[in-house]
């Protein structure tokens, strides 16, 4: 089995930094912020690892367990038997050196529960070689199987629509981040009332990998 592009320590550090910044912002719904996770992850991989990472948006489907038939999470809107992608129904992830990396995957269970899904989805790291993607949703059979359908124009329009705070929080993520095992520096975030909150990395623990 090929080692993933990022070690579990590197993936966890990136995920924890992004999660912590979003939670500290008090303006974000962290478990709905896939575009921010993808944007921050892309910038961190570029600035701190020298990788040519890019943001991707579109439909993503992932088999999340080994049941028969398996449970499959699909980001998109189903209409007339097909899945449509638009600004209200999409997912965002990172693509880098032939890999799909989803830094929000460990908390996907939170949004699914909020939407009424009672599946017991573990908190797992998601890194997959793009060459292993399935060509059609009907081919998704085993845990970890995935399908993606890109919409590059959607990514551009979504990013253009983000408020100024979006870019500010991205800057915090990139400046605060250090590659493990280096410790994270002391960084504070100031709210609109001038109150400073010092960041301490914390996020739901990752249990395994898909």
Protein backbone atom coordinates (compact mmCIF):
# COMPACT_ATOMS: atom_id res chain seq x y z
CA UNK A 1 0.00 0.00 0.00
CA UNK A 2 1.37 3.42 -0.98
CA UNK A 3 2.06 5.85 1.85
CA UNK A 4 -0.17 8.96 1.67
CA UNK A 5 1.28 12.28 0.60
CA UNK A 6 1.00 13.63 4.16
CA UNK A 7 1.83 11.73 7.31
CA UNK A 8 -0.91 11.45 9.90
CA UNK A 9 1.01 13.98 12.02
CA UNK A 10 1.11 16.54 9.19
CA UNK A 11 -2.53 15.99 8.26
CA UNK A 12 -3.61 16.25 11.90
CA UNK A 13 -1.65 19.49 12.43
CA UNK A 14 -3.22 21.14 9.36
CA UNK A 15 -6.70 19.96 10.32
CA UNK A 16 -6.31 21.12 13.93
CA UNK A 17 -5.02 24.56 12.97
CA UNK A 18 -7.90 25.19 10.56
CA UNK A 19 -10.49 23.84 12.99
CA UNK A 20 -9.15 25.91 15.87
CA UNK A 21 -9.10 29.16 13.89
CA UNK A 22 -12.66 28.64 12.68
CA UNK A 23 -13.93 27.87 16.17
CA UNK A 24 -12.15 30.91 17.61
CA UNK A 25 -13.61 33.20 14.93
CA UNK A 26 -17.13 32.85 16.38
CA UNK A 27 -18.52 33.71 12.94
CA UNK A 28 -18.03 30.39 11.16
CA UNK A 29 -20.04 27.18 11.22
CA UNK A 30 -16.99 24.95 11.30
CA UNK A 31 -18.64 21.70 10.21
CA UNK A 32 -20.10 23.47 7.14
CA UNK A 33 -16.89 25.29 6.13
CA UNK A 34 -15.53 22.91 3.48
CA UNK A 35 -14.45 25.80 1.23
CA UNK A 36 -12.42 27.32 4.06
CA UNK A 37 -10.82 23.97 4.97
CA UNK A 38 -9.85 23.47 1.33
CA UNK A 39 -8.60 27.05 0.89
CA UNK A 40 -6.55 27.07 4.09
CA UNK A 41 -5.21 23.59 3.42
CA UNK A 42 -4.15 24.62 -0.07
CA UNK A 43 -2.31 27.71 1.17
CA UNK A 44 -0.58 25.82 3.99
CA UNK A 45 0.62 23.11 1.59
CA UNK A 46 1.95 25.77 -0.79
CA UNK A 47 3.61 27.98 1.82
CA UNK A 48 4.95 25.40 4.27
CA UNK A 49 5.51 22.29 2.14
CA UNK A 50 6.23 23.72 -1.29
CA UNK A 51 3.48 21.63 -2.89
CA UNK A 52 1.53 22.79 -5.95
CA UNK A 53 -1.81 22.34 -4.21
CA UNK A 54 -5.11 23.53 -5.70
CA UNK A 55 -8.69 23.97 -4.50
CA UNK A 56 -11.31 21.74 -6.10
CA UNK A 57 -15.09 21.93 -5.83
CA UNK A 58 -17.89 19.77 -7.11
CA UNK A 59 -19.58 16.52 -6.22
CA UNK A 60 -17.78 14.09 -3.92
CA UNK A 61 -19.10 10.67 -2.92
CA UNK A 62 -17.41 8.42 -0.36
CA UNK A 63 -18.29 4.97 0.98
CA UNK A 64 -17.99 5.38 4.75
CA UNK A 65 -18.50 1.84 6.06
CA UNK A 66 -18.34 -1.83 5.15
CA UNK A 67 -22.03 -2.60 5.36
CA UNK A 68 -23.99 -4.43 2.66
CA UNK A 69 -25.18 -2.36 0.93
CA UNK A 70 -22.64 0.24 2.04
CA UNK A 71 -23.52 3.71 3.31
CA UNK A 72 -22.27 6.38 0.92
CA UNK A 73 -21.98 10.09 1.68
CA UNK A 74 -22.70 12.20 -1.40
CA UNK A 75 -22.20 15.96 -1.52
CA UNK A 76 -24.58 17.37 -4.12
CA UNK A 77 -28.29 17.76 -4.78
CA UNK A 78 -30.27 14.85 -6.19
CA UNK A 79 -32.68 15.81 -8.96
CA UNK A 80 -34.39 13.33 -11.29
CA UNK A 81 -31.98 10.57 -10.32
CA UNK A 82 -28.87 12.70 -10.93
CA UNK A 83 -26.69 14.74 -8.59
CA UNK A 84 -26.49 18.44 -9.36
CA UNK A 85 -23.80 20.83 -8.12
CA UNK A 86 -24.35 24.48 -7.31
CA UNK A 87 -23.46 27.07 -4.66
CA UNK A 88 -25.89 25.47 -2.21
CA UNK A 89 -24.93 21.84 -2.85
CA UNK A 90 -21.22 21.11 -3.29
CA UNK A 91 -18.08 19.99 -1.53
CA UNK A 92 -14.56 21.40 -1.58
CA UNK A 93 -11.27 19.57 -1.18
CA UNK A 94 -7.56 19.89 -1.99
CA UNK A 95 -5.77 18.25 -4.92
CA UNK A 96 -2.00 17.98 -4.79
CA UNK A 97 0.59 15.86 -6.60
CA UNK A 98 -2.05 13.40 -7.75
CA UNK A 99 -3.79 13.16 -4.38
CA UNK A 100 -7.21 14.16 -3.09
CA UNK A 101 -6.98 15.51 0.46
CA UNK A 102 -10.05 16.49 2.47
CA UNK A 103 -9.10 18.24 5.71
CA UNK A 104 -12.73 18.43 6.83
CA UNK A 105 -13.35 14.69 6.57
CA UNK A 106 -12.81 13.97 10.30
CA UNK A 107 -15.87 16.07 11.22
CA UNK A 108 -18.23 15.13 8.38
CA UNK A 109 -20.32 13.19 10.89
CA UNK A 110 -21.34 16.45 12.62
CA UNK A 111 -23.07 17.97 9.59
CA UNK A 112 -24.64 14.64 8.66
CA UNK A 113 -26.16 14.26 12.12
CA UNK A 114 -27.42 17.82 11.89
CA UNK A 115 -29.13 16.86 8.63
CA UNK A 116 -30.84 13.90 10.29
CA UNK A 117 -28.45 11.10 9.28
CA UNK A 118 -27.84 8.66 12.14
CA UNK A 119 -24.93 6.75 10.59
CA UNK A 120 -22.05 6.04 12.94
CA UNK A 121 -19.26 7.58 10.86
CA UNK A 122 -15.79 7.45 12.43
CA UNK A 123 -13.45 10.44 12.44
CA UNK A 124 -10.96 9.52 9.73
CA UNK A 125 -8.28 11.20 7.66
CA UNK A 126 -9.12 11.30 3.95
CA UNK A 127 -6.24 11.13 1.47
CA UNK A 128 -6.74 9.23 -1.77
CA UNK A 129 -4.79 8.89 -4.98
CA UNK A 130 -6.82 10.49 -7.75
CA UNK A 131 -6.07 7.52 -9.99
CA UNK A 132 -8.11 5.32 -7.64
CA UNK A 133 -11.34 7.28 -8.07
CA UNK A 134 -14.34 5.43 -9.47
CA UNK A 135 -15.75 6.51 -12.80
CA UNK A 136 -19.40 6.30 -11.76
CA UNK A 137 -21.44 6.32 -8.56
CA UNK A 138 -22.62 2.79 -9.33
CA UNK A 139 -19.05 1.53 -8.88
CA UNK A 140 -18.90 2.53 -5.20
CA UNK A 141 -18.94 -0.74 -3.28
CA UNK A 142 -16.23 -0.91 -0.63
CA UNK A 143 -15.35 1.33 2.31
CA UNK A 144 -13.07 4.12 1.09
CA UNK A 145 -14.26 3.98 -2.54
CA UNK A 146 -14.83 7.50 -3.86
CA UNK A 147 -16.14 9.41 -6.86
CA UNK A 148 -15.58 13.07 -7.75
CA UNK A 149 -17.00 15.38 -10.39
CA UNK A 150 -15.25 18.77 -10.70
CA UNK A 151 -16.70 22.20 -11.34
CA UNK A 152 -13.78 24.65 -11.56
CA UNK A 153 -15.96 27.66 -12.36
CA UNK A 154 -17.91 27.07 -9.16
CA UNK A 155 -14.71 27.23 -7.10
CA UNK A 156 -13.81 30.60 -8.58
CA UNK A 157 -17.25 32.11 -8.03
CA UNK A 158 -17.51 30.80 -4.46
CA UNK A 159 -14.15 32.25 -3.47
CA UNK A 160 -14.98 35.59 -5.10
CA UNK A 161 -18.16 35.77 -2.98
CA UNK A 162 -16.40 35.34 0.37
CA UNK A 163 -16.31 38.27 2.82
CA UNK A 164 -13.13 40.04 3.93
CA UNK A 165 -13.01 37.98 7.14
CA UNK A 166 -12.51 34.85 5.01
CA UNK A 167 -9.12 36.09 3.78
CA UNK A 168 -8.20 37.37 7.25
CA UNK A 169 -8.78 33.95 8.80
CA UNK A 170 -6.84 32.26 6.02
CA UNK A 171 -3.93 34.53 6.88
CA UNK A 172 -4.13 33.49 10.54
CA UNK A 173 -4.00 29.80 9.58
CA UNK A 174 -0.97 30.22 7.35
CA UNK A 175 0.98 32.45 9.77
CA UNK A 176 0.22 30.31 12.84
CA UNK A 177 1.02 26.97 11.22
CA UNK A 178 4.29 25.16 11.84
CA UNK A 179 5.19 21.73 10.53
CA UNK A 180 5.30 19.07 13.24
CA UNK A 181 7.10 18.37 15.48
CA UNK A 182 7.72 22.14 15.79
CA UNK A 183 5.45 23.71 18.41
CA UNK A 184 2.84 26.22 17.32
CA UNK A 185 3.73 29.81 18.26
CA UNK A 186 1.60 31.93 20.57
CA UNK A 187 -0.97 33.71 18.42
CA UNK A 188 -3.98 35.79 19.42
CA UNK A 189 -7.11 36.70 17.49
CA UNK A 190 -8.91 39.98 18.23
CA UNK A 191 -12.68 40.25 17.93
CA UNK A 192 -14.69 43.33 16.96
CA UNK A 193 -14.69 44.52 20.57
CA UNK A 194 -10.91 44.42 20.94
CA UNK A 195 -10.86 41.24 23.03
CA UNK A 196 -7.90 38.97 22.25
CA UNK A 197 -8.28 35.20 22.32
CA UNK A 198 -5.04 33.20 22.32
CA UNK A 199 -5.21 30.09 20.18
CA UNK A 200 -4.61 26.58 21.48
CA UNK A 201 -4.88 23.84 18.85
CA UNK A 202 -7.70 21.44 19.60
CA UNK A 203 -10.06 19.46 17.39
CA UNK A 204 -11.99 16.17 17.52
CA UNK A 205 -9.43 13.35 17.50
CA UNK A 206 -8.75 11.47 14.28
CA UNK A 207 -9.33 7.72 14.75
CA UNK A 208 -8.00 6.20 11.52
CA UNK A 209 -7.75 6.76 7.75
CA UNK A 210 -9.85 5.98 4.70
